[in-house]
Amino acid sequence: MHNYHYEDGLETERLLTRKLVYDDYKTWSAFFDEPDAIQFFTFLKPTSSEERAKDWIEKQLARYQEQRYGLQALIDKKTGEMIGQCGLLAQDIDGKIELEVGYSLFKKHWGKGYATEAAIRFKEFGFAHNQAESIISIIDVHNIGSQKVALKNGMIRGKQLLWHDMNVYIFRVFK
């Protein structure tokens, strides 16, 4: 896998992506107010939604800076609204750096195919730019919605492991 500073502006039928900026925490803090959306984020510190959002955004900005990819804002082309985040992430799995496609959407946008649409686009980007021979998604064993997205993205469920104190499956697709 290469260190790659990828640009924003990826496009799908209904979505545009852009890099996050610090002020996005104001919008993203509402994500942490949704118990269903964060139920699988067991690593979250017990703090306010605003503090969680600031921490989340700062981590993505650091990823950009360090050329470790990072999540991007998903923008609805029709409304201009941020509906969630998706992107490539360099992750350490059992001591090996793997390329992950990760996604999180505001609950009101679940079930509309947005996560699948975005995840497929980022997977295609990663493969088109020879970033990795395979791309993974790390998904909590109980997160059926995200598992369905991974399957629609052509991934196959692989090993189960404890990762950051979460019981997860590693879904994988090869180039």
N, C-alpha and C. Protein backbone atom coordinates (compact mmCIF):
# COMPACT_ATOMS: atom_id res chain seq x y z
N MET A 1 0.85 -1.18 0.00
CA MET A 1 0.00 0.00 0.00
C MET A 1 0.89 1.24 0.00
N HIS A 2 0.50 2.21 -0.78
CA HIS A 2 1.26 3.44 -0.91
C HIS A 2 0.72 4.48 0.07
N ASN A 3 1.59 5.38 0.50
CA ASN A 3 1.08 6.58 1.15
C ASN A 3 0.55 7.45 0.04
N TYR A 4 -0.69 7.78 0.09
CA TYR A 4 -1.28 8.51 -1.01
C TYR A 4 -2.16 9.61 -0.48
N HIS A 5 -1.92 10.79 -0.93
CA HIS A 5 -2.71 11.95 -0.52
C HIS A 5 -3.82 12.11 -1.55
N TYR A 6 -4.94 11.48 -1.30
CA TYR A 6 -5.96 11.49 -2.33
C TYR A 6 -6.83 12.73 -2.24
N GLU A 7 -7.28 13.13 -3.39
CA GLU A 7 -8.05 14.36 -3.49
C GLU A 7 -9.52 14.08 -3.20
N ASP A 8 -10.20 15.15 -2.86
CA ASP A 8 -11.63 15.02 -2.70
C ASP A 8 -12.28 15.26 -4.06
N GLY A 9 -13.60 15.39 -4.07
CA GLY A 9 -14.27 15.63 -5.33
C GLY A 9 -14.65 14.37 -6.07
N LEU A 10 -14.62 13.22 -5.39
CA LEU A 10 -15.14 12.01 -6.02
C LEU A 10 -16.65 12.19 -6.19
N GLU A 11 -17.18 11.50 -7.18
CA GLU A 11 -18.58 11.71 -7.51
C GLU A 11 -19.26 10.38 -7.77
N THR A 12 -20.51 10.28 -7.35
CA THR A 12 -21.36 9.15 -7.70
C THR A 12 -22.63 9.74 -8.31
N GLU A 13 -23.57 8.89 -8.58
CA GLU A 13 -24.82 9.36 -9.17
C GLU A 13 -25.49 10.45 -8.32
N ARG A 14 -25.51 10.23 -7.00
CA ARG A 14 -26.23 11.15 -6.11
C ARG A 14 -25.35 11.95 -5.17
N LEU A 15 -24.05 11.61 -5.11
CA LEU A 15 -23.18 12.18 -4.08
C LEU A 15 -21.92 12.81 -4.63
N LEU A 16 -21.43 13.79 -3.89
CA LEU A 16 -20.10 14.35 -4.09
C LEU A 16 -19.34 14.16 -2.78
N THR A 17 -18.02 14.07 -2.87
CA THR A 17 -17.23 14.01 -1.64
C THR A 17 -16.37 15.26 -1.56
N ARG A 18 -16.04 15.61 -0.33
CA ARG A 18 -15.06 16.68 -0.10
C ARG A 18 -14.34 16.36 1.19
N LYS A 19 -13.13 16.86 1.28
CA LYS A 19 -12.38 16.68 2.52
C LYS A 19 -13.09 17.41 3.65
N LEU A 20 -12.99 16.85 4.82
CA LEU A 20 -13.57 17.48 5.99
C LEU A 20 -12.75 18.71 6.37
N VAL A 21 -13.42 19.66 6.99
CA VAL A 21 -12.76 20.82 7.58
C VAL A 21 -13.18 20.86 9.04
N TYR A 22 -12.39 21.56 9.85
CA TYR A 22 -12.63 21.54 11.29
C TYR A 22 -14.07 21.92 11.64
N ASP A 23 -14.62 22.93 10.97
CA ASP A 23 -15.97 23.39 11.32
C ASP A 23 -17.06 22.35 11.06
N ASP A 24 -16.72 21.26 10.36
CA ASP A 24 -17.70 20.19 10.15
C ASP A 24 -18.13 19.54 11.46
N TYR A 25 -17.36 19.75 12.52
CA TYR A 25 -17.75 19.16 13.81
C TYR A 25 -19.14 19.65 14.22
N LYS A 26 -19.50 20.87 13.82
CA LYS A 26 -20.81 21.42 14.20
C LYS A 26 -21.94 20.57 13.64
N THR A 27 -21.79 20.12 12.40
CA THR A 27 -22.78 19.25 11.78
C THR A 27 -22.65 17.83 12.30
N TRP A 28 -21.40 17.34 12.41
CA TRP A 28 -21.15 15.94 12.74
C TRP A 28 -21.49 15.62 14.19
N SER A 29 -21.56 16.61 15.07
CA SER A 29 -21.88 16.32 16.47
C SER A 29 -23.27 15.68 16.59
N ALA A 30 -24.18 16.00 15.67
CA ALA A 30 -25.51 15.38 15.69
C ALA A 30 -25.44 13.88 15.47
N PHE A 31 -24.41 13.42 14.75
CA PHE A 31 -24.23 11.98 14.53
C PHE A 31 -24.09 11.26 15.87
N PHE A 32 -23.35 11.88 16.80
CA PHE A 32 -23.09 11.25 18.09
C PHE A 32 -24.28 11.35 19.04
N ASP A 33 -25.33 12.05 18.64
CA ASP A 33 -26.57 12.09 19.42
C ASP A 33 -27.52 10.96 19.04
N GLU A 34 -27.14 10.15 18.03
CA GLU A 34 -28.00 9.08 17.53
C GLU A 34 -27.55 7.74 18.12
N PRO A 35 -28.23 7.25 19.16
CA PRO A 35 -27.79 6.00 19.80
C PRO A 35 -27.65 4.83 18.82
N ASP A 36 -28.54 4.72 17.85
CA ASP A 36 -28.45 3.62 16.88
C ASP A 36 -27.20 3.74 16.02
N ALA A 37 -26.82 4.97 15.69
CA ALA A 37 -25.67 5.19 14.81
C ALA A 37 -24.35 4.87 15.52
N ILE A 38 -24.28 5.12 16.82
CA ILE A 38 -23.00 4.96 17.52
C ILE A 38 -22.94 3.71 18.41
N GLN A 39 -23.96 2.87 18.34
CA GLN A 39 -24.00 1.72 19.24
C GLN A 39 -22.80 0.78 19.07
N PHE A 40 -22.16 0.79 17.90
CA PHE A 40 -21.03 -0.12 17.67
C PHE A 40 -19.69 0.58 17.87
N PHE A 41 -19.72 1.86 18.22
CA PHE A 41 -18.48 2.59 18.50
C PHE A 41 -18.17 2.52 19.98
N THR A 42 -17.76 1.35 20.43
CA THR A 42 -17.52 1.15 21.86
C THR A 42 -16.27 1.87 22.35
N PHE A 43 -15.46 2.37 21.43
CA PHE A 43 -14.22 3.05 21.78
C PHE A 43 -14.42 4.52 22.13
N LEU A 44 -15.64 5.04 21.98
CA LEU A 44 -15.87 6.46 22.22
C LEU A 44 -15.66 6.82 23.68
N LYS A 45 -15.03 7.96 23.90
CA LYS A 45 -14.84 8.46 25.25
C LYS A 45 -16.17 9.00 25.77
N PRO A 46 -16.40 8.84 27.07
CA PRO A 46 -17.66 9.35 27.65
C PRO A 46 -17.60 10.87 27.79
N THR A 47 -17.90 11.55 26.71
CA THR A 47 -17.85 13.01 26.69
C THR A 47 -19.01 13.52 25.86
N SER A 48 -19.09 14.81 25.63
CA SER A 48 -20.21 15.39 24.89
C SER A 48 -20.13 15.03 23.40
N SER A 49 -21.26 15.11 22.74
CA SER A 49 -21.31 14.85 21.30
C SER A 49 -20.41 15.83 20.55
N GLU A 50 -20.38 17.07 21.01
CA GLU A 50 -19.55 18.09 20.36
C GLU A 50 -18.07 17.73 20.49
N GLU A 51 -17.65 17.29 21.68
CA GLU A 51 -16.25 16.90 21.89
C GLU A 51 -15.90 15.67 21.06
N ARG A 52 -16.82 14.72 20.99
CA ARG A 52 -16.59 13.53 20.17
C ARG A 52 -16.42 13.92 18.71
N ALA A 53 -17.27 14.83 18.24
CA ALA A 53 -17.21 15.27 16.84
C ALA A 53 -15.89 16.00 16.56
N LYS A 54 -15.47 16.87 17.47
CA LYS A 54 -14.20 17.58 17.29
C LYS A 54 -13.05 16.57 17.20
N ASP A 55 -13.05 15.59 18.10
CA ASP A 55 -12.00 14.57 18.12
C ASP A 55 -12.01 13.77 16.80
N TRP A 56 -13.18 13.38 16.35
CA TRP A 56 -13.36 12.61 15.11
C TRP A 56 -12.80 13.39 13.92
N ILE A 57 -13.21 14.66 13.80
CA ILE A 57 -12.76 15.49 12.68
C ILE A 57 -11.25 15.71 12.76
N GLU A 58 -10.73 15.99 13.95
CA GLU A 58 -9.29 16.19 14.11
C GLU A 58 -8.50 14.96 13.68
N LYS A 59 -9.03 13.77 13.97
CA LYS A 59 -8.35 12.53 13.54
C LYS A 59 -8.30 12.44 12.01
N GLN A 60 -9.37 12.83 11.34
CA GLN A 60 -9.37 12.77 9.88
C GLN A 60 -8.40 13.81 9.30
N LEU A 61 -8.37 15.01 9.88
CA LEU A 61 -7.45 16.05 9.41
C LEU A 61 -6.00 15.59 9.58
N ALA A 62 -5.73 14.88 10.69
CA ALA A 62 -4.37 14.33 10.91
C ALA A 62 -4.06 13.26 9.87
N ARG A 63 -5.05 12.43 9.54
CA ARG A 63 -4.84 11.41 8.49
C ARG A 63 -4.47 12.08 7.17
N TYR A 64 -5.19 13.14 6.81
CA TYR A 64 -4.86 13.85 5.56
C TYR A 64 -3.42 14.34 5.61
N GLN A 65 -3.07 14.98 6.72
CA GLN A 65 -1.75 15.59 6.87
C GLN A 65 -0.63 14.55 6.77
N GLU A 66 -0.89 13.38 7.37
CA GLU A 66 0.12 12.31 7.43
C GLU A 66 0.04 11.38 6.22
N GLN A 67 -0.79 11.72 5.26
CA GLN A 67 -0.99 10.91 4.05
C GLN A 67 -1.40 9.48 4.40
N ARG A 68 -2.35 9.38 5.33
CA ARG A 68 -2.94 8.10 5.72
C ARG A 68 -4.42 8.08 5.33
N TYR A 69 -4.71 8.74 4.21
CA TYR A 69 -6.07 8.80 3.70
C TYR A 69 -6.96 9.61 4.63
N GLY A 70 -8.14 9.09 4.99
CA GLY A 70 -9.07 9.80 5.85
C GLY A 70 -10.47 9.80 5.28
N LEU A 71 -11.44 9.86 6.17
CA LEU A 71 -12.83 9.94 5.75
C LEU A 71 -13.10 11.29 5.10
N GLN A 72 -14.08 11.31 4.21
CA GLN A 72 -14.49 12.55 3.58
C GLN A 72 -15.99 12.74 3.78
N ALA A 73 -16.42 14.00 3.69
CA ALA A 73 -17.84 14.31 3.80
C ALA A 73 -18.56 13.81 2.55
N LEU A 74 -19.73 13.22 2.77
CA LEU A 74 -20.62 12.83 1.67
C LEU A 74 -21.68 13.90 1.55
N ILE A 75 -21.76 14.51 0.38
CA ILE A 75 -22.68 15.62 0.15
C ILE A 75 -23.74 15.19 -0.86
N ASP A 76 -25.01 15.37 -0.48
CA ASP A 76 -26.12 15.09 -1.39
C ASP A 76 -26.11 16.16 -2.48
N LYS A 77 -26.00 15.73 -3.74
CA LYS A 77 -25.93 16.67 -4.86
C LYS A 77 -27.16 17.56 -4.95
N LYS A 78 -28.33 17.02 -4.62
CA LYS A 78 -29.57 17.79 -4.77
C LYS A 78 -29.71 18.85 -3.69
N THR A 79 -29.37 18.50 -2.45
CA THR A 79 -29.64 19.41 -1.33
C THR A 79 -28.40 20.14 -0.82
N GLY A 80 -27.20 19.63 -1.14
CA GLY A 80 -25.97 20.22 -0.60
C GLY A 80 -25.71 19.83 0.84
N GLU A 81 -26.56 18.96 1.39
CA GLU A 81 -26.47 18.55 2.80
C GLU A 81 -25.41 17.46 2.98
N MET A 82 -24.68 17.55 4.10
CA MET A 82 -23.79 16.45 4.46
C MET A 82 -24.65 15.32 5.02
N ILE A 83 -24.57 14.15 4.38
CA ILE A 83 -25.40 13.03 4.83
C ILE A 83 -24.60 11.98 5.60
N GLY A 84 -23.27 12.13 5.60
CA GLY A 84 -22.42 11.18 6.30
C GLY A 84 -20.99 11.34 5.87
N GLN A 85 -20.21 10.29 6.14
CA GLN A 85 -18.80 10.28 5.77
C GLN A 85 -18.43 8.91 5.23
N CYS A 86 -17.46 8.91 4.32
CA CYS A 86 -16.94 7.67 3.76
C CYS A 86 -15.52 7.96 3.30
N GLY A 87 -14.71 6.93 3.24
CA GLY A 87 -13.37 7.13 2.72
C GLY A 87 -12.48 5.93 2.97
N LEU A 88 -11.25 6.08 2.52
CA LEU A 88 -10.22 5.06 2.72
C LEU A 88 -9.44 5.39 3.98
N LEU A 89 -9.06 4.34 4.70
CA LEU A 89 -8.33 4.48 5.96
C LEU A 89 -7.22 3.43 6.02
N ALA A 90 -6.04 3.85 6.41
CA ALA A 90 -4.96 2.88 6.66
C ALA A 90 -5.17 2.35 8.07
N GLN A 91 -5.35 1.02 8.20
CA GLN A 91 -5.63 0.39 9.49
C GLN A 91 -4.61 -0.71 9.78
N ASP A 92 -4.27 -0.85 11.04
CA ASP A 92 -3.36 -1.91 11.48
C ASP A 92 -4.20 -3.12 11.91
N ILE A 93 -4.07 -4.20 11.14
CA ILE A 93 -4.77 -5.44 11.45
C ILE A 93 -3.71 -6.51 11.69
N ASP A 94 -3.60 -6.95 12.93
CA ASP A 94 -2.61 -7.98 13.29
C ASP A 94 -1.20 -7.61 12.82
N GLY A 95 -0.83 -6.33 12.98
CA GLY A 95 0.53 -5.91 12.64
C GLY A 95 0.77 -5.63 11.17
N LYS A 96 -0.28 -5.73 10.36
CA LYS A 96 -0.15 -5.45 8.93
C LYS A 96 -1.04 -4.26 8.58
N ILE A 97 -0.49 -3.31 7.82
CA ILE A 97 -1.29 -2.16 7.40
C ILE A 97 -2.18 -2.57 6.24
N GLU A 98 -3.47 -2.38 6.43
CA GLU A 98 -4.48 -2.73 5.43
C GLU A 98 -5.22 -1.46 5.03
N LEU A 99 -5.78 -1.47 3.84
CA LEU A 99 -6.58 -0.34 3.38
C LEU A 99 -8.04 -0.66 3.59
N GLU A 100 -8.70 0.19 4.37
CA GLU A 100 -10.12 -0.01 4.68
C GLU A 100 -10.96 1.04 3.97
N VAL A 101 -12.15 0.64 3.57
CA VAL A 101 -13.17 1.62 3.20
C VAL A 101 -14.14 1.65 4.38
N GLY A 102 -14.27 2.84 4.96
CA GLY A 102 -15.15 3.02 6.12
C GLY A 102 -16.27 3.98 5.77
N TYR A 103 -17.38 3.86 6.48
CA TYR A 103 -18.54 4.70 6.19
C TYR A 103 -19.41 4.83 7.43
N SER A 104 -19.94 6.03 7.60
CA SER A 104 -20.90 6.34 8.66
C SER A 104 -21.87 7.37 8.11
N LEU A 105 -23.16 7.10 8.27
CA LEU A 105 -24.18 8.01 7.77
C LEU A 105 -25.13 8.40 8.89
N PHE A 106 -25.66 9.61 8.78
CA PHE A 106 -26.72 10.01 9.70
C PHE A 106 -27.88 9.03 9.52
N LYS A 107 -28.51 8.67 10.62
CA LYS A 107 -29.54 7.62 10.60
C LYS A 107 -30.67 7.92 9.61
N LYS A 108 -31.03 9.18 9.46
CA LYS A 108 -32.16 9.49 8.56
C LYS A 108 -31.84 9.16 7.11
N HIS A 109 -30.57 8.87 6.81
CA HIS A 109 -30.18 8.52 5.44
C HIS A 109 -29.90 7.03 5.26
N TRP A 110 -30.15 6.25 6.31
CA TRP A 110 -29.95 4.81 6.21
C TRP A 110 -31.00 4.21 5.27
N GLY A 111 -30.62 3.08 4.65
CA GLY A 111 -31.58 2.31 3.86
C GLY A 111 -31.87 2.90 2.49
N LYS A 112 -31.11 3.89 2.07
CA LYS A 112 -31.34 4.53 0.77
C LYS A 112 -30.25 4.21 -0.24
N GLY A 113 -29.28 3.38 0.16
CA GLY A 113 -28.22 2.97 -0.75
C GLY A 113 -27.03 3.92 -0.81
N TYR A 114 -27.05 4.98 -0.01
CA TYR A 114 -25.95 5.95 -0.05
C TYR A 114 -24.62 5.34 0.39
N ALA A 115 -24.63 4.57 1.48
CA ALA A 115 -23.38 3.99 1.98
C ALA A 115 -22.78 3.06 0.94
N THR A 116 -23.62 2.25 0.31
CA THR A 116 -23.14 1.33 -0.73
C THR A 116 -22.57 2.11 -1.91
N GLU A 117 -23.30 3.13 -2.35
CA GLU A 117 -22.87 3.95 -3.48
C GLU A 117 -21.49 4.57 -3.20
N ALA A 118 -21.32 5.12 -2.00
CA ALA A 118 -20.05 5.77 -1.64
C ALA A 118 -18.93 4.74 -1.45
N ALA A 119 -19.24 3.64 -0.77
CA ALA A 119 -18.22 2.61 -0.50
C ALA A 119 -17.69 2.01 -1.81
N ILE A 120 -18.58 1.76 -2.75
CA ILE A 120 -18.16 1.23 -4.06
C ILE A 120 -17.25 2.23 -4.76
N ARG A 121 -17.59 3.51 -4.70
CA ARG A 121 -16.78 4.54 -5.37
C ARG A 121 -15.38 4.62 -4.76
N PHE A 122 -15.27 4.57 -3.44
CA PHE A 122 -13.95 4.63 -2.81
C PHE A 122 -13.15 3.35 -3.07
N LYS A 123 -13.82 2.21 -3.10
CA LYS A 123 -13.14 0.96 -3.46
C LYS A 123 -12.57 1.07 -4.87
N GLU A 124 -13.40 1.51 -5.79
CA GLU A 124 -12.96 1.66 -7.18
C GLU A 124 -11.78 2.62 -7.27
N PHE A 125 -11.83 3.71 -6.52
CA PHE A 125 -10.73 4.68 -6.51
C PHE A 125 -9.44 4.02 -6.03
N GLY A 126 -9.53 3.29 -4.91
CA GLY A 126 -8.35 2.63 -4.36
C GLY A 126 -7.71 1.66 -5.33
N PHE A 127 -8.53 0.87 -6.00
CA PHE A 127 -8.01 -0.10 -6.96
C PHE A 127 -7.49 0.60 -8.23
N ALA A 128 -8.19 1.61 -8.70
CA ALA A 128 -7.78 2.31 -9.92
C ALA A 128 -6.42 2.99 -9.74
N HIS A 129 -6.12 3.39 -8.51
CA HIS A 129 -4.85 4.07 -8.23
C HIS A 129 -3.83 3.13 -7.58
N ASN A 130 -4.08 1.81 -7.73
CA ASN A 130 -3.13 0.80 -7.26
C ASN A 130 -2.69 1.01 -5.81
N GLN A 131 -3.66 1.31 -4.96
CA GLN A 131 -3.35 1.56 -3.56
C GLN A 131 -3.17 0.27 -2.76
N ALA A 132 -3.77 -0.82 -3.19
CA ALA A 132 -3.69 -2.08 -2.46
C ALA A 132 -4.20 -3.21 -3.35
N GLU A 133 -3.78 -4.44 -3.03
CA GLU A 133 -4.27 -5.62 -3.75
C GLU A 133 -5.64 -6.05 -3.25
N SER A 134 -5.95 -5.65 -2.00
CA SER A 134 -7.28 -5.92 -1.45
C SER A 134 -7.66 -4.76 -0.55
N ILE A 135 -8.95 -4.59 -0.39
CA ILE A 135 -9.50 -3.55 0.48
C ILE A 135 -10.45 -4.23 1.44
N ILE A 136 -10.42 -3.76 2.69
CA ILE A 136 -11.24 -4.37 3.74
C ILE A 136 -12.27 -3.38 4.28
N SER A 137 -13.21 -3.90 5.03
CA SER A 137 -14.08 -3.13 5.92
C SER A 137 -14.09 -3.87 7.24
N ILE A 138 -13.90 -3.13 8.31
CA ILE A 138 -13.87 -3.68 9.67
C ILE A 138 -15.24 -3.40 10.28
N ILE A 139 -15.99 -4.45 10.58
CA ILE A 139 -17.39 -4.27 10.96
C ILE A 139 -17.73 -5.09 12.20
N ASP A 140 -18.36 -4.43 13.15
CA ASP A 140 -18.83 -5.11 14.37
C ASP A 140 -19.70 -6.30 13.97
N VAL A 141 -19.53 -7.41 14.71
CA VAL A 141 -20.25 -8.64 14.36
C VAL A 141 -21.78 -8.47 14.43
N HIS A 142 -22.24 -7.46 15.18
CA HIS A 142 -23.68 -7.25 15.31
C HIS A 142 -24.21 -6.18 14.36
N ASN A 143 -23.33 -5.54 13.61
CA ASN A 143 -23.74 -4.44 12.73
C ASN A 143 -24.15 -4.98 11.37
N ILE A 144 -25.38 -5.46 11.31
CA ILE A 144 -25.89 -6.13 10.11
C ILE A 144 -26.00 -5.16 8.93
N GLY A 145 -26.40 -3.92 9.18
CA GLY A 145 -26.52 -2.93 8.11
C GLY A 145 -25.21 -2.70 7.39
N SER A 146 -24.14 -2.50 8.16
CA SER A 146 -22.83 -2.28 7.54
C SER A 146 -22.32 -3.54 6.85
N GLN A 147 -22.66 -4.71 7.40
CA GLN A 147 -22.25 -5.95 6.75
C GLN A 147 -22.93 -6.09 5.38
N LYS A 148 -24.19 -5.67 5.29
CA LYS A 148 -24.90 -5.73 4.01
C LYS A 148 -24.23 -4.81 2.98
N VAL A 149 -23.79 -3.62 3.43
CA VAL A 149 -23.09 -2.70 2.54
C VAL A 149 -21.81 -3.36 2.02
N ALA A 150 -21.06 -4.00 2.92
CA ALA A 150 -19.80 -4.65 2.53
C ALA A 150 -20.07 -5.74 1.48
N LEU A 151 -21.11 -6.52 1.68
CA LEU A 151 -21.45 -7.58 0.72
C LEU A 151 -21.82 -6.98 -0.63
N LYS A 152 -22.58 -5.88 -0.62
CA LYS A 152 -22.96 -5.21 -1.88
C LYS A 152 -21.73 -4.59 -2.55
N ASN A 153 -20.68 -4.36 -1.77
CA ASN A 153 -19.42 -3.81 -2.30
C ASN A 153 -18.50 -4.93 -2.80
N GLY A 154 -19.04 -6.15 -2.90
CA GLY A 154 -18.27 -7.27 -3.43
C GLY A 154 -17.36 -7.94 -2.43
N MET A 155 -17.50 -7.59 -1.16
CA MET A 155 -16.62 -8.14 -0.13
C MET A 155 -17.13 -9.48 0.38
N ILE A 156 -16.20 -10.25 0.89
CA ILE A 156 -16.50 -11.54 1.51
C ILE A 156 -16.11 -11.46 2.97
N ARG A 157 -16.97 -12.00 3.84
CA ARG A 157 -16.67 -11.98 5.27
C ARG A 157 -15.51 -12.93 5.56
N GLY A 158 -14.51 -12.39 6.21
CA GLY A 158 -13.34 -13.16 6.58
C GLY A 158 -13.29 -13.39 8.08
N LYS A 159 -12.10 -13.30 8.62
CA LYS A 159 -11.90 -13.67 10.01
C LYS A 159 -12.58 -12.72 10.99
N GLN A 160 -12.84 -13.28 12.15
CA GLN A 160 -13.41 -12.53 13.26
C GLN A 160 -12.28 -12.30 14.25
N LEU A 161 -12.19 -11.10 14.79
CA LEU A 161 -11.14 -10.82 15.76
C LEU A 161 -11.55 -9.69 16.70
N LEU A 162 -10.78 -9.54 17.75
CA LEU A 162 -10.97 -8.44 18.68
C LEU A 162 -10.07 -7.30 18.20
N TRP A 163 -10.67 -6.17 17.88
CA TRP A 163 -9.94 -5.03 17.32
C TRP A 163 -10.39 -3.79 18.07
N HIS A 164 -9.46 -3.13 18.76
CA HIS A 164 -9.79 -1.96 19.60
C HIS A 164 -10.96 -2.27 20.54
N ASP A 165 -10.88 -3.42 21.17
CA ASP A 165 -11.90 -3.88 22.12
C ASP A 165 -13.28 -4.10 21.48
N MET A 166 -13.31 -4.25 20.17
CA MET A 166 -14.57 -4.55 19.48
C MET A 166 -14.46 -5.92 18.83
N ASN A 167 -15.56 -6.66 18.89
CA ASN A 167 -15.64 -7.97 18.24
C ASN A 167 -16.08 -7.71 16.80
N VAL A 168 -15.15 -7.90 15.85
CA VAL A 168 -15.40 -7.51 14.46
C VAL A 168 -15.14 -8.64 13.48
N TYR A 169 -15.75 -8.48 12.30
CA TYR A 169 -15.41 -9.29 11.15
C TYR A 169 -14.57 -8.43 10.21
N ILE A 170 -13.66 -9.05 9.51
CA ILE A 170 -12.92 -8.38 8.46
C ILE A 170 -13.53 -8.82 7.13
N PHE A 171 -14.17 -7.89 6.46
CA PHE A 171 -14.69 -8.15 5.12
C PHE A 171 -13.61 -7.73 4.13
N ARG A 172 -13.48 -8.44 3.00
CA ARG A 172 -12.39 -8.17 2.07
C ARG A 172 -12.84 -8.39 0.63
N VAL A 173 -12.31 -7.53 -0.23
CA VAL A 173 -12.48 -7.69 -1.67
C VAL A 173 -11.10 -7.55 -2.31
N PHE A 174 -10.83 -8.40 -3.32
CA PHE A 174 -9.57 -8.33 -4.03
C PHE A 174 -9.74 -7.57 -5.32
N LYS A 175 -8.66 -6.97 -5.78
CA LYS A 175 -8.61 -6.20 -7.01
C LYS A 175 -9.07 -7.04 -8.20
